[in-house]
């Protein structure tokens, strides 16, 4: 089965924060988890795709780049986006289809925006999705704490379906590149 690891919006300024916005919840743990899953992907020879948000640091400079503590292998593909949805206005879907990808593992930021839309859109694009439950993060808002947002989305997106394709939430400690979707069909 062809797969890909898709890592969304893990840019320096988004993770660490800036003068107007705080850094994401448990950023050190998030970075460690992302690096651990990247290592697994490399060992399993799973292609890695990064998506960057052009709104972060106005799309330029070190704040826009993938966080300096995240391992970026040489052979990754990088897409830049303007929209919350990483499939909108990018070549991501075409790239995945060219690779005959059937399953994607998703990680990154921010949970209730870009991660949520990526998971939901991927299922309508005929992809099975594994969301790494401890591999995405966000910031508090005026209604919920970041931890509550993450827990809510892990619960909501586990089993989210669009008939033929759906998402599962799994821990980074699991064998993410051995999909278990068949157990639920």
Protein backbone atom coordinates (compact mmCIF):
# COMPACT_ATOMS: atom_id res chain seq x y z
CA UNK A 1 0.00 0.00 0.00
CA UNK A 2 1.35 3.41 -0.94
CA UNK A 3 1.46 5.86 1.95
CA UNK A 4 2.73 9.30 2.89
CA UNK A 5 3.47 11.20 6.06
CA UNK A 6 1.92 14.67 5.78
CA UNK A 7 3.20 17.23 8.30
CA UNK A 8 1.26 20.48 8.33
CA UNK A 9 2.29 23.95 9.54
CA UNK A 10 5.18 23.08 11.81
CA UNK A 11 6.88 26.37 11.19
CA UNK A 12 9.22 28.13 13.59
CA UNK A 13 6.99 31.08 14.43
CA UNK A 14 3.79 29.07 14.61
CA UNK A 15 5.23 26.56 17.07
CA UNK A 16 7.24 29.02 19.17
CA UNK A 17 4.81 31.94 18.92
CA UNK A 18 5.59 35.59 18.33
CA UNK A 19 4.77 39.02 19.79
CA UNK A 20 1.03 38.61 19.20
CA UNK A 21 0.41 34.88 19.53
CA UNK A 22 1.64 32.29 22.02
CA UNK A 23 3.41 29.09 21.07
CA UNK A 24 1.49 25.85 20.73
CA UNK A 25 0.59 23.61 23.65
CA UNK A 26 3.39 21.24 24.72
CA UNK A 27 5.63 22.30 21.85
CA UNK A 28 8.68 20.37 23.05
CA UNK A 29 6.70 17.13 23.21
CA UNK A 30 5.16 17.86 19.79
CA UNK A 31 8.59 18.34 18.21
CA UNK A 32 9.88 15.09 19.76
CA UNK A 33 6.82 13.20 18.53
CA UNK A 34 7.13 14.59 15.01
CA UNK A 35 10.81 13.66 14.88
CA UNK A 36 10.06 10.14 16.14
CA UNK A 37 7.41 9.61 13.45
CA UNK A 38 9.69 11.08 10.76
CA UNK A 39 12.30 8.52 11.81
CA UNK A 40 9.70 5.74 11.52
CA UNK A 41 8.72 6.98 8.06
CA UNK A 42 12.34 6.96 6.94
CA UNK A 43 12.81 3.42 8.27
CA UNK A 44 9.63 2.27 6.48
CA UNK A 45 10.59 4.19 3.29
CA UNK A 46 7.38 6.22 3.47
CA UNK A 47 7.54 9.53 1.57
CA UNK A 48 7.33 12.67 3.70
CA UNK A 49 5.45 15.82 2.72
CA UNK A 50 5.55 19.13 4.57
CA UNK A 51 2.94 21.84 4.10
CA UNK A 52 3.69 25.41 5.14
CA UNK A 53 1.21 28.21 5.71
CA UNK A 54 2.10 31.41 3.86
CA UNK A 55 0.39 33.47 6.59
CA UNK A 56 3.04 32.43 9.11
CA UNK A 57 5.72 35.14 9.37
CA UNK A 58 4.22 36.67 6.22
CA UNK A 59 5.64 33.74 4.23
CA UNK A 60 9.29 34.71 4.62
CA UNK A 61 12.32 34.55 6.85
CA UNK A 62 13.30 32.07 9.54
CA UNK A 63 9.87 32.27 11.21
CA UNK A 64 8.29 30.84 8.05
CA UNK A 65 10.67 27.89 7.81
CA UNK A 66 10.03 24.44 9.26
CA UNK A 67 10.98 24.52 12.94
CA UNK A 68 14.75 24.26 13.37
CA UNK A 69 14.43 21.34 15.81
CA UNK A 70 12.40 19.22 13.38
CA UNK A 71 14.32 16.76 11.23
CA UNK A 72 13.80 17.55 7.56
CA UNK A 73 15.18 14.77 5.36
CA UNK A 74 16.67 15.80 2.01
CA UNK A 75 14.10 14.07 -0.16
CA UNK A 76 10.90 15.61 1.25
CA UNK A 77 8.29 17.41 -0.81
CA UNK A 78 7.14 20.82 0.43
CA UNK A 79 3.93 22.62 -0.50
CA UNK A 80 3.00 26.16 0.49
CA UNK A 81 -0.62 27.14 1.05
CA UNK A 82 -2.74 30.23 1.62
CA UNK A 83 -5.89 28.44 2.78
CA UNK A 84 -6.59 26.58 6.00
CA UNK A 85 -7.15 23.45 3.92
CA UNK A 86 -3.82 22.09 2.68
CA UNK A 87 -5.53 20.55 -0.35
CA UNK A 88 -6.94 23.88 -1.57
CA UNK A 89 -4.79 25.71 -4.11
CA UNK A 90 -1.79 23.40 -3.70
CA UNK A 91 -0.48 20.45 -5.65
CA UNK A 92 -0.80 18.15 -2.64
CA UNK A 93 -3.67 16.02 -3.91
CA UNK A 94 -2.16 15.72 -7.39
CA UNK A 95 1.14 14.70 -5.82
CA UNK A 96 -0.51 12.04 -3.65
CA UNK A 97 -2.52 10.73 -6.60
CA UNK A 98 0.60 10.57 -8.81
CA UNK A 99 2.22 8.46 -6.09
CA UNK A 100 -0.93 6.27 -5.96
CA UNK A 101 -1.18 7.04 -2.25
CA UNK A 102 -4.00 5.26 -0.43
CA UNK A 103 -3.18 6.08 3.19
CA UNK A 104 -1.77 9.22 4.79
CA UNK A 105 -0.54 9.84 8.31
CA UNK A 106 -1.20 13.43 9.42
CA UNK A 107 0.58 15.53 12.07
CA UNK A 108 1.12 19.22 12.76
CA UNK A 109 -0.66 22.43 13.71
CA UNK A 110 -3.22 23.83 14.45
CA UNK A 111 -5.67 21.17 15.50
CA UNK A 112 -9.03 22.87 15.00
CA UNK A 113 -8.06 24.55 11.76
CA UNK A 114 -5.56 22.98 9.39
CA UNK A 115 -5.43 19.51 10.93
CA UNK A 116 -9.22 19.16 11.08
CA UNK A 117 -9.72 20.33 7.50
CA UNK A 118 -6.92 18.09 6.20
CA UNK A 119 -8.34 14.97 7.82
CA UNK A 120 -11.88 15.63 6.62
CA UNK A 121 -10.86 16.59 3.10
CA UNK A 122 -8.52 13.62 2.69
CA UNK A 123 -11.36 11.18 3.34
CA UNK A 124 -13.44 12.81 0.59
CA UNK A 125 -10.42 12.55 -1.70
CA UNK A 126 -10.43 8.76 -1.39
CA UNK A 127 -7.68 8.49 1.20
CA UNK A 128 -7.67 6.61 4.46
CA UNK A 129 -6.19 8.78 7.20
CA UNK A 130 -4.33 8.10 10.40
CA UNK A 131 -4.20 11.17 12.61
CA UNK A 132 -1.39 10.95 15.14
CA UNK A 133 -3.31 11.77 18.34
CA UNK A 134 -0.23 13.02 20.18
CA UNK A 135 1.24 14.58 17.05
CA UNK A 136 -0.86 17.72 16.62
CA UNK A 137 -1.26 20.83 18.70
CA UNK A 138 -2.82 24.26 18.98
CA UNK A 139 -3.19 27.22 21.33
CA UNK A 140 -5.86 28.11 23.86
CA UNK A 141 -8.78 30.21 22.62
CA UNK A 142 -11.38 32.22 24.51
CA UNK A 143 -13.66 29.16 24.88
CA UNK A 144 -11.41 26.10 25.30
CA UNK A 145 -7.92 25.25 26.45
CA UNK A 146 -5.59 23.75 23.85
CA UNK A 147 -5.65 20.40 25.63
CA UNK A 148 -9.47 20.34 25.40
CA UNK A 149 -9.39 21.23 21.70
CA UNK A 150 -6.92 18.41 21.00
CA UNK A 151 -8.89 15.86 23.02
CA UNK A 152 -12.15 16.91 21.36
CA UNK A 153 -10.71 16.54 17.88
CA UNK A 154 -9.10 13.20 18.67
CA UNK A 155 -12.49 11.93 19.80
CA UNK A 156 -14.40 13.53 16.90
CA UNK A 157 -12.03 12.52 14.11
CA UNK A 158 -11.55 8.92 15.26
CA UNK A 159 -13.84 7.01 12.94
CA UNK A 160 -14.83 10.08 10.90
CA UNK A 161 -15.91 8.74 7.54
CA UNK A 162 -17.03 9.64 4.10
CA UNK A 163 -18.47 6.22 3.34
CA UNK A 164 -15.53 4.39 1.72
CA UNK A 165 -12.67 6.20 3.43
CA UNK A 166 -12.23 7.31 7.00
CA UNK A 167 -9.84 8.44 9.67
CA UNK A 168 -8.47 6.75 12.74
CA UNK A 169 -6.62 8.41 15.60
CA UNK A 170 -3.59 6.47 16.82
CA UNK A 171 -0.71 7.14 19.17
CA UNK A 172 2.79 7.80 17.87
CA UNK A 173 3.91 4.71 19.79
CA UNK A 174 1.86 2.52 17.47
CA UNK A 175 3.00 1.16 14.11
CA UNK A 176 1.42 4.02 12.16
CA UNK A 177 2.53 2.77 8.77
CA UNK A 178 0.68 -0.49 9.23
CA UNK A 179 -2.85 0.87 8.76
CA UNK A 180 -5.63 -0.79 10.76
CA UNK A 181 -8.59 0.65 8.84
CA UNK A 182 -9.55 -2.82 7.56
CA UNK A 183 -10.53 -3.80 11.11
CA UNK A 184 -13.31 -1.23 11.06
CA UNK A 185 -14.71 -1.73 7.53
